[in-house]
Structure formats: structure tokens, C-alpha cells
Amino acid sequence: MALQRMLSGGPSKSSKVYLAIGVLSLVKAIAVRNDRERFRRELVDAGLFLGVGVALRRFSKMKAQKRQELESQVPDWAADLITSEATSKGLQTLAKRRLGQSEPEPKTVRERARSVLSSR
């Protein structure tokens, strides 16, 4: 499961995993260099993993740069408003209402009785 968590992360984490696998494939290719067919397959695998790793790293850098550009365009007061605790709670409440989800039901008889009495 640790590998799945690593791969489900951002592109930066995934790029490190792909680069590591590519380096291991390259080392494996060097280890089997006497067998031409396996050597070629391992080199192809290493090249593919290294290529994907480099592409993911470039994508991660581009994504971070775009995010920074967008954040620099938003006024400070708007950023503070969006990230405030009250806004977060309000959005959660609104989403629950829209989705038709209410608060979780009380589990014990005592909690149910209290909720019935307090609502009247």
C-alpha cells in the first residue's frame, strides 16, 4: 500500500518514483549486458521510466509556477476570506444541505431523547 500512496501523490512524488525505477532498470541493464536481448529490453524500460519521470518533474514545476502566478493575482483580502475558518465551515454546511446529508444520527437512546427534547 505504501507504493500506492506514493503514486497517488502529486506529480513531484510520482516523478521521483519513476526516476528511481528508471535508474534501477539502468543498473539492471548494466548487470545483464552480456545478454543482448535482455540488455536492450532493460535499456528501453529504463528510457521509458526516466522519460516519464522527467516529464512529470517538468509538469510539476510548470504547475507550481502557474499556481504561483494565479495566487499573485488574487488580492490579499480575497485570499484571506477564502482560506478563513468561517468560510470553510459555511461551505461544508452548504454542501451538506445541497447533497441532502444531515448530521449523523445519535447512537444511544439517551442521545436520541436529548435531541428530540432539544428540538422542541
PDB file of N, CA and C in Angstrom:
ATOM      1  N   MET A   1       0.805  -1.199   0.000  1.00  0.00           N
ATOM      2  CA  MET A   1       0.000   0.000   0.000  1.00  0.00           C
ATOM      3  C   MET A   1       0.855   1.273   0.000  1.00  0.00           C
ATOM      4  N   ALA A   2       2.080   1.191   0.476  1.00  0.00           N
ATOM      5  CA  ALA A   2       2.926   2.377   0.513  1.00  0.00           C
ATOM      6  C   ALA A   2       3.219   2.861  -0.906  1.00  0.00           C
ATOM      7  N   LEU A   3       3.421   1.948  -1.820  1.00  0.00           N
ATOM      8  CA  LEU A   3       3.678   2.326  -3.209  1.00  0.00           C
ATOM      9  C   LEU A   3       2.458   3.009  -3.805  1.00  0.00           C
ATOM     10  N   GLN A   4       1.254   2.510  -3.474  1.00  0.00           N
ATOM     11  CA  GLN A   4       0.028   3.124  -3.989  1.00  0.00           C
ATOM     12  C   GLN A   4      -0.116   4.539  -3.457  1.00  0.00           C
ATOM     13  N   ARG A   5       0.206   4.757  -2.174  1.00  0.00           N
ATOM     14  CA  ARG A   5       0.140   6.115  -1.612  1.00  0.00           C
ATOM     15  C   ARG A   5       1.153   7.030  -2.286  1.00  0.00           C
ATOM     16  N   MET A   6       2.321   6.496  -2.600  1.00  0.00           N
ATOM     17  CA  MET A   6       3.334   7.313  -3.259  1.00  0.00           C
ATOM     18  C   MET A   6       2.876   7.719  -4.657  1.00  0.00           C
ATOM     19  N   LEU A   7       2.260   6.789  -5.365  1.00  0.00           N
ATOM     20  CA  LEU A   7       1.829   7.076  -6.727  1.00  0.00           C
ATOM     21  C   LEU A   7       0.588   7.956  -6.772  1.00  0.00           C
ATOM     22  N   SER A   8      -0.200   7.968  -5.694  1.00  0.00           N
ATOM     23  CA  SER A   8      -1.401   8.798  -5.695  1.00  0.00           C
ATOM     24  C   SER A   8      -1.100  10.234  -5.288  1.00  0.00           C
ATOM     25  N   GLY A   9       0.138  10.533  -4.964  1.00  0.00           N
ATOM     26  CA  GLY A   9       0.517  11.888  -4.602  1.00  0.00           C
ATOM     27  C   GLY A   9       0.616  12.778  -5.823  1.00  0.00           C
ATOM     28  N   GLY A  10       1.214  13.927  -5.630  1.00  0.00           N
ATOM     29  CA  GLY A  10       1.367  14.872  -6.724  1.00  0.00           C
ATOM     30  C   GLY A  10       2.368  14.397  -7.753  1.00  0.00           C
ATOM     31  N   PRO A  11       2.468  15.133  -8.843  1.00  0.00           N
ATOM     32  CA  PRO A  11       3.399  14.734  -9.903  1.00  0.00           C
ATOM     33  C   PRO A  11       4.856  14.762  -9.454  1.00  0.00           C
ATOM     34  N   SER A  12       5.174  15.575  -8.471  1.00  0.00           N
ATOM     35  CA  SER A  12       6.545  15.640  -7.982  1.00  0.00           C
ATOM     36  C   SER A  12       6.946  14.317  -7.325  1.00  0.00           C
ATOM     37  N   LYS A  13       6.051  13.778  -6.491  1.00  0.00           N
ATOM     38  CA  LYS A  13       6.329  12.490  -5.846  1.00  0.00           C
ATOM     39  C   LYS A  13       6.398  11.377  -6.882  1.00  0.00           C
ATOM     40  N   SER A  14       5.465  11.373  -7.800  1.00  0.00           N
ATOM     41  CA  SER A  14       5.440  10.328  -8.818  1.00  0.00           C
ATOM     42  C   SER A  14       6.686  10.390  -9.687  1.00  0.00           C
ATOM     43  N   SER A  15       7.165  11.600  -9.973  1.00  0.00           N
ATOM     44  CA  SER A  15       8.358  11.713 -10.813  1.00  0.00           C
ATOM     45  C   SER A  15       9.558  11.082 -10.127  1.00  0.00           C
ATOM     46  N   LYS A  16       9.640  11.231  -8.815  1.00  0.00           N
ATOM     47  CA  LYS A  16      10.756  10.623  -8.083  1.00  0.00           C
ATOM     48  C   LYS A  16      10.689   9.106  -8.153  1.00  0.00           C
ATOM     49  N   VAL A  17       9.483   8.565  -8.063  1.00  0.00           N
ATOM     50  CA  VAL A  17       9.321   7.114  -8.141  1.00  0.00           C
ATOM     51  C   VAL A  17       9.723   6.616  -9.527  1.00  0.00           C
ATOM     52  N   TYR A  18       9.254   7.295 -10.562  1.00  0.00           N
ATOM     53  CA  TYR A  18       9.598   6.875 -11.931  1.00  0.00           C
ATOM     54  C   TYR A  18      11.092   7.014 -12.197  1.00  0.00           C
ATOM     55  N   LEU A  19      11.700   8.075 -11.709  1.00  0.00           N
ATOM     56  CA  LEU A  19      13.144   8.243 -11.895  1.00  0.00           C
ATOM     57  C   LEU A  19      13.908   7.144 -11.169  1.00  0.00           C
ATOM     58  N   ALA A  20      13.470   6.791  -9.970  1.00  0.00           N
ATOM     59  CA  ALA A  20      14.143   5.727  -9.217  1.00  0.00           C
ATOM     60  C   ALA A  20      14.019   4.389  -9.944  1.00  0.00           C
ATOM     61  N   ILE A  21      12.833   4.094 -10.462  1.00  0.00           N
ATOM     62  CA  ILE A  21      12.644   2.843 -11.200  1.00  0.00           C
ATOM     63  C   ILE A  21      13.504   2.847 -12.464  1.00  0.00           C
ATOM     64  N   GLY A  22      13.597   3.998 -13.123  1.00  0.00           N
ATOM     65  CA  GLY A  22      14.432   4.105 -14.316  1.00  0.00           C
ATOM     66  C   GLY A  22      15.899   3.863 -14.021  1.00  0.00           C
ATOM     67  N   VAL A  23      16.370   4.411 -12.906  1.00  0.00           N
ATOM     68  CA  VAL A  23      17.769   4.193 -12.522  1.00  0.00           C
ATOM     69  C   VAL A  23      17.999   2.719 -12.201  1.00  0.00           C
ATOM     70  N   LEU A  24      17.048   2.103 -11.498  1.00  0.00           N
ATOM     71  CA  LEU A  24      17.190   0.672 -11.202  1.00  0.00           C
ATOM     72  C   LEU A  24      17.193  -0.165 -12.481  1.00  0.00           C
ATOM     73  N   SER A  25      16.363   0.198 -13.431  1.00  0.00           N
ATOM     74  CA  SER A  25      16.354  -0.526 -14.702  1.00  0.00           C
ATOM     75  C   SER A  25      17.675  -0.344 -15.443  1.00  0.00           C
ATOM     76  N   LEU A  26      18.235   0.840 -15.339  1.00  0.00           N
ATOM     77  CA  LEU A  26      19.526   1.091 -15.973  1.00  0.00           C
ATOM     78  C   LEU A  26      20.624   0.245 -15.325  1.00  0.00           C
ATOM     79  N   VAL A  27      20.592   0.164 -13.998  1.00  0.00           N
ATOM     80  CA  VAL A  27      21.568  -0.674 -13.297  1.00  0.00           C
ATOM     81  C   VAL A  27      21.373  -2.140 -13.677  1.00  0.00           C
ATOM     82  N   LYS A  28      20.120  -2.553 -13.790  1.00  0.00           N
ATOM     83  CA  LYS A  28      19.823  -3.933 -14.186  1.00  0.00           C
ATOM     84  C   LYS A  28      20.311  -4.201 -15.613  1.00  0.00           C
ATOM     85  N   ALA A  29      20.174  -3.210 -16.492  1.00  0.00           N
ATOM     86  CA  ALA A  29      20.654  -3.374 -17.863  1.00  0.00           C
ATOM     87  C   ALA A  29      22.165  -3.563 -17.879  1.00  0.00           C
ATOM     88  N   ILE A  30      22.845  -2.821 -17.029  1.00  0.00           N
ATOM     89  CA  ILE A  30      24.304  -2.970 -16.962  1.00  0.00           C
ATOM     90  C   ILE A  30      24.667  -4.354 -16.434  1.00  0.00           C
ATOM     91  N   ALA A  31      23.860  -4.861 -15.495  1.00  0.00           N
ATOM     92  CA  ALA A  31      24.139  -6.180 -14.922  1.00  0.00           C
ATOM     93  C   ALA A  31      23.948  -7.301 -15.939  1.00  0.00           C
ATOM     94  N   VAL A  32      23.042  -7.120 -16.884  1.00  0.00           N
ATOM     95  CA  VAL A  32      22.780  -8.178 -17.876  1.00  0.00           C
ATOM     96  C   VAL A  32      23.327  -7.803 -19.251  1.00  0.00           C
ATOM     97  N   ARG A  33      24.383  -7.026 -19.297  1.00  0.00           N
ATOM     98  CA  ARG A  33      24.899  -6.511 -20.573  1.00  0.00           C
ATOM     99  C   ARG A  33      25.425  -7.604 -21.498  1.00  0.00           C
ATOM    100  N   ASN A  34      25.711  -8.779 -20.977  1.00  0.00           N
ATOM    101  CA  ASN A  34      26.206  -9.864 -21.835  1.00  0.00           C
ATOM    102  C   ASN A  34      25.100 -10.490 -22.671  1.00  0.00           C
ATOM    103  N   ASP A  35      23.849 -10.425 -22.197  1.00  0.00           N
ATOM    104  CA  ASP A  35      22.699 -10.947 -22.938  1.00  0.00           C
ATOM    105  C   ASP A  35      22.097  -9.785 -23.725  1.00  0.00           C
ATOM    106  N   ARG A  36      22.353  -9.748 -25.042  1.00  0.00           N
ATOM    107  CA  ARG A  36      21.968  -8.584 -25.857  1.00  0.00           C
ATOM    108  C   ARG A  36      20.460  -8.294 -25.818  1.00  0.00           C
ATOM    109  N   GLU A  37      19.640  -9.335 -25.882  1.00  0.00           N
ATOM    110  CA  GLU A  37      18.187  -9.128 -25.906  1.00  0.00           C
ATOM    111  C   GLU A  37      17.677  -8.518 -24.599  1.00  0.00           C
ATOM    112  N   ARG A  38      18.095  -9.098 -23.490  1.00  0.00           N
ATOM    113  CA  ARG A  38      17.668  -8.544 -22.192  1.00  0.00           C
ATOM    114  C   ARG A  38      18.236  -7.150 -21.969  1.00  0.00           C
ATOM    115  N   PHE A  39      19.464  -6.946 -22.432  1.00  0.00           N
ATOM    116  CA  PHE A  39      20.096  -5.629 -22.291  1.00  0.00           C
ATOM    117  C   PHE A  39      19.264  -4.559 -23.008  1.00  0.00           C
ATOM    118  N   ARG A  40      18.827  -4.864 -24.211  1.00  0.00           N
ATOM    119  CA  ARG A  40      18.008  -3.908 -24.982  1.00  0.00           C
ATOM    120  C   ARG A  40      16.673  -3.645 -24.292  1.00  0.00           C
ATOM    121  N   ARG A  41      16.029  -4.729 -23.827  1.00  0.00           N
ATOM    122  CA  ARG A  41      14.738  -4.549 -23.143  1.00  0.00           C
ATOM    123  C   ARG A  41      14.884  -3.683 -21.897  1.00  0.00           C
ATOM    124  N   GLU A  42      15.927  -3.943 -21.120  1.00  0.00           N
ATOM    125  CA  GLU A  42      16.140  -3.163 -19.893  1.00  0.00           C
ATOM    126  C   GLU A  42      16.472  -1.703 -20.213  1.00  0.00           C
ATOM    127  N   LEU A  43      17.228  -1.502 -21.296  1.00  0.00           N
ATOM    128  CA  LEU A  43      17.521  -0.123 -21.695  1.00  0.00           C
ATOM    129  C   LEU A  43      16.255   0.606 -22.130  1.00  0.00           C
ATOM    130  N   VAL A  44      15.391  -0.088 -22.856  1.00  0.00           N
ATOM    131  CA  VAL A  44      14.126   0.519 -23.275  1.00  0.00           C
ATOM    132  C   VAL A  44      13.274   0.847 -22.050  1.00  0.00           C
ATOM    133  N   ASP A  45      13.186  -0.094 -21.124  1.00  0.00           N
ATOM    134  CA  ASP A  45      12.420   0.157 -19.894  1.00  0.00           C
ATOM    135  C   ASP A  45      12.996   1.345 -19.123  1.00  0.00           C
ATOM    136  N   ALA A  46      14.312   1.361 -18.990  1.00  0.00           N
ATOM    137  CA  ALA A  46      14.952   2.460 -18.264  1.00  0.00           C
ATOM    138  C   ALA A  46      14.667   3.781 -18.955  1.00  0.00           C
ATOM    139  N   GLY A  47      14.754   3.797 -20.262  1.00  0.00           N
ATOM    140  CA  GLY A  47      14.493   5.024 -21.003  1.00  0.00           C
ATOM    141  C   GLY A  47      13.060   5.500 -20.840  1.00  0.00           C
ATOM    142  N   LEU A  48      12.111   4.567 -20.878  1.00  0.00           N
ATOM    143  CA  LEU A  48      10.704   4.940 -20.708  1.00  0.00           C
ATOM    144  C   LEU A  48      10.448   5.503 -19.305  1.00  0.00           C
ATOM    145  N   PHE A  49      10.938   4.812 -18.287  1.00  0.00           N
ATOM    146  CA  PHE A  49      10.717   5.293 -16.922  1.00  0.00           C
ATOM    147  C   PHE A  49      11.401   6.628 -16.679  1.00  0.00           C
ATOM    148  N   LEU A  50      12.624   6.770 -17.165  1.00  0.00           N
ATOM    149  CA  LEU A  50      13.324   8.042 -16.996  1.00  0.00           C
ATOM    150  C   LEU A  50      12.615   9.160 -17.752  1.00  0.00           C
ATOM    151  N   GLY A  51      12.115   8.857 -18.945  1.00  0.00           N
ATOM    152  CA  GLY A  51      11.388   9.857 -19.720  1.00  0.00           C
ATOM    153  C   GLY A  51      10.114  10.316 -19.023  1.00  0.00           C
ATOM    154  N   VAL A  52       9.355   9.362 -18.505  1.00  0.00           N
ATOM    155  CA  VAL A  52       8.126   9.716 -17.786  1.00  0.00           C
ATOM    156  C   VAL A  52       8.468  10.503 -16.523  1.00  0.00           C
ATOM    157  N   GLY A  53       9.522  10.104 -15.836  1.00  0.00           N
ATOM    158  CA  GLY A  53       9.935  10.814 -14.621  1.00  0.00           C
ATOM    159  C   GLY A  53      10.317  12.260 -14.907  1.00  0.00           C
ATOM    160  N   VAL A  54      11.066  12.468 -15.973  1.00  0.00           N
ATOM    161  CA  VAL A  54      11.471  13.834 -16.348  1.00  0.00           C
ATOM    162  C   VAL A  54      10.247  14.644 -16.774  1.00  0.00           C
ATOM    163  N   ALA A  55       9.349  14.027 -17.534  1.00  0.00           N
ATOM    164  CA  ALA A  55       8.133  14.737 -17.963  1.00  0.00           C
ATOM    165  C   ALA A  55       7.272  15.129 -16.761  1.00  0.00           C
ATOM    166  N   LEU A  56       7.117  14.225 -15.807  1.00  0.00           N
ATOM    167  CA  LEU A  56       6.341  14.551 -14.606  1.00  0.00           C
ATOM    168  C   LEU A  56       7.003  15.656 -13.791  1.00  0.00           C
ATOM    169  N   ARG A  57       8.319  15.638 -13.721  1.00  0.00           N
ATOM    170  CA  ARG A  57       9.025  16.689 -12.978  1.00  0.00           C
ATOM    171  C   ARG A  57       8.806  18.048 -13.647  1.00  0.00           C
ATOM    172  N   ARG A  58       8.883  18.087 -14.972  1.00  0.00           N
ATOM    173  CA  ARG A  58       8.644  19.354 -15.694  1.00  0.00           C
ATOM    174  C   ARG A  58       7.203  19.823 -15.491  1.00  0.00           C
ATOM    175  N   PHE A  59       6.250  18.878 -15.535  1.00  0.00           N
ATOM    176  CA  PHE A  59       4.858  19.217 -15.317  1.00  0.00           C
ATOM    177  C   PHE A  59       4.659  19.775 -13.910  1.00  0.00           C
ATOM    178  N   SER A  60       5.311  19.177 -12.935  1.00  0.00           N
ATOM    179  CA  SER A  60       5.191  19.636 -11.552  1.00  0.00           C
ATOM    180  C   SER A  60       5.710  21.060 -11.400  1.00  0.00           C
ATOM    181  N   LYS A  61       6.845  21.342 -12.022  1.00  0.00           N
ATOM    182  CA  LYS A  61       7.402  22.700 -11.946  1.00  0.00           C
ATOM    183  C   LYS A  61       6.503  23.704 -12.645  1.00  0.00           C
ATOM    184  N   MET A  62       5.963  23.314 -13.808  1.00  0.00           N
ATOM    185  CA  MET A  62       5.069  24.208 -14.540  1.00  0.00           C
ATOM    186  C   MET A  62       3.790  24.464 -13.733  1.00  0.00           C
ATOM    187  N   LYS A  63       3.266  23.421 -13.103  1.00  0.00           N
ATOM    188  CA  LYS A  63       2.061  23.553 -12.298  1.00  0.00           C
ATOM    189  C   LYS A  63       2.303  24.488 -11.113  1.00  0.00           C
ATOM    190  N   ALA A  64       3.432  24.344 -10.441  1.00  0.00           N
ATOM    191  CA  ALA A  64       3.757  25.211  -9.313  1.00  0.00           C
ATOM    192  C   ALA A  64       3.914  26.657  -9.766  1.00  0.00           C
ATOM    193  N   GLN A  65       4.517  26.850 -10.922  1.00  0.00           N
ATOM    194  CA  GLN A  65       4.701  28.203 -11.442  1.00  0.00           C
ATOM    195  C   GLN A  65       3.352  28.841 -11.775  1.00  0.00           C
ATOM    196  N   LYS A  66       2.463  28.102 -12.416  1.00  0.00           N
ATOM    197  CA  LYS A  66       1.138  28.628 -12.751  1.00  0.00           C
ATOM    198  C   LYS A  66       0.342  28.942 -11.485  1.00  0.00           C
ATOM    199  N   ARG A  67       0.433  28.066 -10.490  1.00  0.00           N
ATOM    200  CA  ARG A  67      -0.263  28.304  -9.226  1.00  0.00           C
ATOM    201  C   ARG A  67       0.239  29.587  -8.567  1.00  0.00           C
ATOM    202  N   GLN A  68       1.541  29.789  -8.598  1.00  0.00           N
ATOM    203  CA  GLN A  68       2.126  30.984  -8.007  1.00  0.00           C
ATOM    204  C   GLN A  68       1.668  32.232  -8.758  1.00  0.00           C
ATOM    205  N   GLU A  69       1.609  32.146 -10.079  1.00  0.00           N
ATOM    206  CA  GLU A  69       1.138  33.288 -10.866  1.00  0.00           C
ATOM    207  C   GLU A  69      -0.310  33.630 -10.530  1.00  0.00           C
ATOM    208  N   LEU A  70      -1.150  32.603 -10.420  1.00  0.00           N
ATOM    209  CA  LEU A  70      -2.554  32.839 -10.091  1.00  0.00           C
ATOM    210  C   LEU A  70      -2.713  33.410  -8.688  1.00  0.00           C
ATOM    211  N   GLU A  71      -1.956  32.888  -7.738  1.00  0.00           N
ATOM    212  CA  GLU A  71      -2.043  33.390  -6.367  1.00  0.00           C
ATOM    213  C   GLU A  71      -1.554  34.825  -6.256  1.00  0.00           C
ATOM    214  N   SER A  72      -0.598  35.203  -7.088  1.00  0.00           N
ATOM    215  CA  SER A  72      -0.099  36.577  -7.030  1.00  0.00           C
ATOM    216  C   SER A  72      -1.115  37.567  -7.597  1.00  0.00           C
ATOM    217  N   GLN A  73      -2.041  37.093  -8.414  1.00  0.00           N
ATOM    218  CA  GLN A  73      -3.050  37.967  -8.999  1.00  0.00           C
ATOM    219  C   GLN A  73      -4.249  38.176  -8.079  1.00  0.00           C
ATOM    220  N   VAL A  74      -4.446  37.295  -7.100  1.00  0.00           N
ATOM    221  CA  VAL A  74      -5.579  37.409  -6.179  1.00  0.00           C
ATOM    222  C   VAL A  74      -5.207  38.397  -5.072  1.00  0.00           C
ATOM    223  N   PRO A  75      -6.089  39.367  -4.786  1.00  0.00           N
ATOM    224  CA  PRO A  75      -5.792  40.316  -3.699  1.00  0.00           C
ATOM    225  C   PRO A  75      -5.689  39.591  -2.351  1.00  0.00           C
ATOM    226  N   ASP A  76      -4.912  40.171  -1.431  1.00  0.00           N
ATOM    227  CA  ASP A  76      -4.694  39.548  -0.127  1.00  0.00           C
ATOM    228  C   ASP A  76      -5.999  39.378   0.648  1.00  0.00           C
ATOM    229  N   TRP A  77      -6.882  40.376   0.584  1.00  0.00           N
ATOM    230  CA  TRP A  77      -8.132  40.280   1.349  1.00  0.00           C
ATOM    231  C   TRP A  77      -9.003  39.136   0.845  1.00  0.00           C
ATOM    232  N   ALA A  78      -8.960  38.871  -0.475  1.00  0.00           N
ATOM    233  CA  ALA A  78      -9.756  37.779  -1.036  1.00  0.00           C
ATOM    234  C   ALA A  78      -9.167  36.427  -0.644  1.00  0.00           C
ATOM    235  N   ALA A  79      -7.849  36.337  -0.644  1.00  0.00           N
ATOM    236  CA  ALA A  79      -7.196  35.094  -0.245  1.00  0.00           C
ATOM    237  C   ALA A  79      -7.467  34.791   1.217  1.00  0.00           C
ATOM    238  N   ASP A  80      -7.441  35.828   2.073  1.00  0.00           N
ATOM    239  CA  ASP A  80      -7.739  35.631   3.488  1.00  0.00           C
ATOM    240  C   ASP A  80      -9.186  35.194   3.684  1.00  0.00           C
ATOM    241  N   LEU A  81     -10.091  35.766   2.911  1.00  0.00           N
ATOM    242  CA  LEU A  81     -11.501  35.420   3.016  1.00  0.00           C
ATOM    243  C   LEU A  81     -11.738  33.968   2.607  1.00  0.00           C
ATOM    244  N   ILE A  82     -11.097  33.545   1.547  1.00  0.00           N
ATOM    245  CA  ILE A  82     -11.288  32.187   1.038  1.00  0.00           C
ATOM    246  C   ILE A  82     -10.722  31.155   2.009  1.00  0.00           C
ATOM    247  N   THR A  83      -9.599  31.446   2.626  1.00  0.00           N
ATOM    248  CA  THR A  83      -8.942  30.471   3.490  1.00  0.00           C
ATOM    249  C   THR A  83      -9.382  30.560   4.946  1.00  0.00           C
ATOM    250  N   SER A  84     -10.343  31.422   5.278  1.00  0.00           N
ATOM    251  CA  SER A  84     -10.748  31.568   6.672  1.00  0.00           C
ATOM    252  C   SER A  84     -11.536  30.350   7.146  1.00  0.00           C
ATOM    253  N   GLU A  85     -11.549  30.159   8.460  1.00  0.00           N
ATOM    254  CA  GLU A  85     -12.236  29.025   9.077  1.00  0.00           C
ATOM    255  C   GLU A  85     -13.751  29.139   8.901  1.00  0.00           C
ATOM    256  N   ALA A  86     -14.283  30.341   9.048  1.00  0.00           N
ATOM    257  CA  ALA A  86     -15.727  30.545   8.928  1.00  0.00           C
ATOM    258  C   ALA A  86     -16.216  30.198   7.517  1.00  0.00           C
ATOM    259  N   THR A  87     -15.450  30.591   6.520  1.00  0.00           N
ATOM    260  CA  THR A  87     -15.826  30.273   5.146  1.00  0.00           C
ATOM    261  C   THR A  87     -15.810  28.768   4.919  1.00  0.00           C
ATOM    262  N   SER A  88     -14.815  28.108   5.470  1.00  0.00           N
ATOM    263  CA  SER A  88     -14.715  26.659   5.325  1.00  0.00           C
ATOM    264  C   SER A  88     -15.916  25.961   5.952  1.00  0.00           C
ATOM    265  N   LYS A  89     -16.279  26.349   7.165  1.00  0.00           N
ATOM    266  CA  LYS A  89     -17.436  25.745   7.845  1.00  0.00           C
ATOM    267  C   LYS A  89     -18.727  26.036   7.077  1.00  0.00           C
ATOM    268  N   GLY A  90     -18.857  27.267   6.597  1.00  0.00           N
ATOM    269  CA  GLY A  90     -20.061  27.635   5.846  1.00  0.00           C
ATOM    270  C   GLY A  90     -20.200  26.835   4.568  1.00  0.00           C
ATOM    271  N   LEU A  91     -19.090  26.636   3.865  1.00  0.00           N
ATOM    272  CA  LEU A  91     -19.125  25.845   2.637  1.00  0.00           C
ATOM    273  C   LEU A  91     -19.460  24.386   2.921  1.00  0.00           C
ATOM    274  N   GLN A  92     -18.936  23.855   4.026  1.00  0.00           N
ATOM    275  CA  GLN A  92     -19.248  22.476   4.390  1.00  0.00           C
ATOM    276  C   GLN A  92     -20.732  22.326   4.692  1.00  0.00           C
ATOM    277  N   THR A  93     -21.296  23.282   5.438  1.00  0.00           N
ATOM    278  CA  THR A  93     -22.714  23.232   5.772  1.00  0.00           C
ATOM    279  C   THR A  93     -23.566  23.344   4.517  1.00  0.00           C
ATOM    280  N   LEU A  94     -23.204  24.263   3.647  1.00  0.00           N
ATOM    281  CA  LEU A  94     -23.948  24.440   2.400  1.00  0.00           C
ATOM    282  C   LEU A  94     -23.888  23.178   1.541  1.00  0.00           C
ATOM    283  N   ALA A  95     -22.729  22.566   1.464  1.00  0.00           N
ATOM    284  CA  ALA A  95     -22.581  21.341   0.666  1.00  0.00           C
ATOM    285  C   ALA A  95     -23.419  20.209   1.254  1.00  0.00           C
ATOM    286  N   LYS A  96     -23.446  20.102   2.568  1.00  0.00           N
ATOM    287  CA  LYS A  96     -24.249  19.050   3.198  1.00  0.00           C
ATOM    288  C   LYS A  96     -25.725  19.260   2.914  1.00  0.00           C
ATOM    289  N   ARG A  97     -26.177  20.509   2.959  1.00  0.00           N
ATOM    290  CA  ARG A  97     -27.585  20.791   2.661  1.00  0.00           C
ATOM    291  C   ARG A  97     -27.907  20.438   1.218  1.00  0.00           C
ATOM    292  N   ARG A  98     -27.020  20.821   0.305  1.00  0.00           N
ATOM    293  CA  ARG A  98     -27.253  20.563  -1.110  1.00  0.00           C
ATOM    294  C   ARG A  98     -27.288  19.081  -1.426  1.00  0.00           C
ATOM    295  N   LEU A  99     -26.439  18.331  -0.752  1.00  0.00           N
ATOM    296  CA  LEU A  99     -26.364  16.898  -1.004  1.00  0.00           C
ATOM    297  C   LEU A  99     -27.387  16.112  -0.195  1.00  0.00           C
ATOM    298  N   GLY A 100     -28.107  16.787   0.669  1.00  0.00           N
ATOM    299  CA  GLY A 100     -29.142  16.124   1.449  1.00  0.00           C
ATOM    300  C   GLY A 100     -28.612  15.344   2.621  1.00  0.00           C
ATOM    301  N   GLN A 101     -27.401  15.614   3.013  1.00  0.00           N
ATOM    302  CA  GLN A 101     -26.832  14.922   4.157  1.00  0.00           C
ATOM    303  C   GLN A 101     -27.032  15.775   5.399  1.00  0.00           C
ATOM    304  N   SER A 102     -27.518  15.149   6.430  1.00  0.00           N
ATOM    305  CA  SER A 102     -27.677  15.863   7.681  1.00  0.00           C
ATOM    306  C   SER A 102     -26.615  15.384   8.656  1.00  0.00           C
ATOM    307  N   GLU A 103     -26.703  15.887   9.866  1.00  0.00           N
ATOM    308  CA  GLU A 103     -25.760  15.462  10.894  1.00  0.00           C
ATOM    309  C   GLU A 103     -25.949  13.973  11.162  1.00  0.00           C
ATOM    310  N   PRO A 104     -24.915  13.279  11.597  1.00  0.00           N
ATOM    311  CA  PRO A 104     -25.055  11.852  11.870  1.00  0.00           C
ATOM    312  C   PRO A 104     -26.066  11.606  12.993  1.00  0.00           C
ATOM    313  N   GLU A 105     -26.801  10.527  12.875  1.00  0.00           N
ATOM    314  CA  GLU A 105     -27.818  10.184  13.860  1.00  0.00           C
ATOM    315  C   GLU A 105     -27.159   9.789  15.181  1.00  0.00           C
ATOM    316  N   PRO A 106     -27.747  10.212  16.316  1.00  0.00           N
ATOM    317  CA  PRO A 106     -27.214   9.785  17.616  1.00  0.00           C
ATOM    318  C   PRO A 106     -27.319   8.267  17.760  1.00  0.00           C
ATOM    319  N   LYS A 107     -26.392   7.690  18.455  1.00  0.00           N
ATOM    320  CA  LYS A 107     -26.328   6.247  18.524  1.00  0.00           C
ATOM    321  C   LYS A 107     -27.061   5.659  19.733  1.00  0.00           C
ATOM    322  N   THR A 108     -27.047   6.337  20.850  1.00  0.00           N
ATOM    323  CA  THR A 108     -27.675   5.769  22.048  1.00  0.00           C
ATOM    324  C   THR A 108     -29.081   6.329  22.217  1.00  0.00           C
ATOM    325  N   VAL A 109     -29.867   5.646  23.040  1.00  0.00           N
ATOM    326  CA  VAL A 109     -31.232   6.082  23.308  1.00  0.00           C
ATOM    327  C   VAL A 109     -31.210   7.426  24.025  1.00  0.00           C
ATOM    328  N   ARG A 110     -30.270   7.588  24.933  1.00  0.00           N
ATOM    329  CA  ARG A 110     -30.153   8.842  25.684  1.00  0.00           C
ATOM    330  C   ARG A 110     -29.881  10.015  24.737  1.00  0.00           C
ATOM    331  N   GLU A 111     -28.979   9.814  23.780  1.00  0.00           N
ATOM    332  CA  GLU A 111     -28.668  10.881  22.816  1.00  0.00           C
ATOM    333  C   GLU A 111     -29.869  11.187  21.931  1.00  0.00           C
ATOM    334  N   ARG A 112     -30.609  10.157  21.531  1.00  0.00           N
ATOM    335  CA  ARG A 112     -31.809  10.384  20.726  1.00  0.00           C
ATOM    336  C   ARG A 112     -32.855  11.165  21.505  1.00  0.00           C
ATOM    337  N   ALA A 113     -33.049  10.801  22.775  1.00  0.00           N
ATOM    338  CA  ALA A 113     -34.033  11.505  23.600  1.00  0.00           C
ATOM    339  C   ALA A 113     -33.623  12.963  23.789  1.00  0.00           C
ATOM    340  N   ARG A 114     -32.368  13.203  24.021  1.00  0.00           N
ATOM    341  CA  ARG A 114     -31.897  14.602  24.177  1.00  0.00           C
ATOM    342  C   ARG A 114     -32.117  15.398  22.914  1.00  0.00           C
ATOM    343  N   SER A 115     -31.852  14.788  21.752  1.00  0.00           N
ATOM    344  CA  SER A 115     -32.021  15.521  20.514  1.00  0.00           C
ATOM    345  C   SER A 115     -33.499  15.820  20.239  1.00  0.00           C
ATOM    346  N   VAL A 116     -34.390  14.879  20.594  1.00  0.00           N
ATOM    347  CA  VAL A 116     -35.815  15.114  20.402  1.00  0.00           C
ATOM    348  C   VAL A 116     -36.298  16.219  21.324  1.00  0.00           C
ATOM    349  N   LEU A 117     -35.877  16.202  22.590  1.00  0.00           N
ATOM    350  CA  LEU A 117     -36.293  17.218  23.544  1.00  0.00           C
ATOM    351  C   LEU A 117     -35.717  18.594  23.221  1.00  0.00           C
ATOM    352  N   SER A 118     -34.486  18.609  22.754  1.00  0.00           N
ATOM    353  CA  SER A 118     -33.874  19.900  22.444  1.00  0.00           C
ATOM    354  C   SER A 118     -34.438  20.522  21.175  1.00  0.00           C
ATOM    355  N   SER A 119     -34.961  19.722  20.280  1.00  0.00           N
ATOM    356  CA  SER A 119     -35.503  20.271  19.035  1.00  0.00           C
ATOM    357  C   SER A 119     -36.906  20.824  19.204  1.00  0.00           C
ATOM    358  N   ARG A 120     -37.586  20.526  20.315  1.00  0.00           N
ATOM    359  CA  ARG A 120     -38.961  21.013  20.517  1.00  0.00           C
ATOM    360  C   ARG A 120     -39.011  22.223  21.342  1.00  0.00           C
TER     361      ARG A 120
END
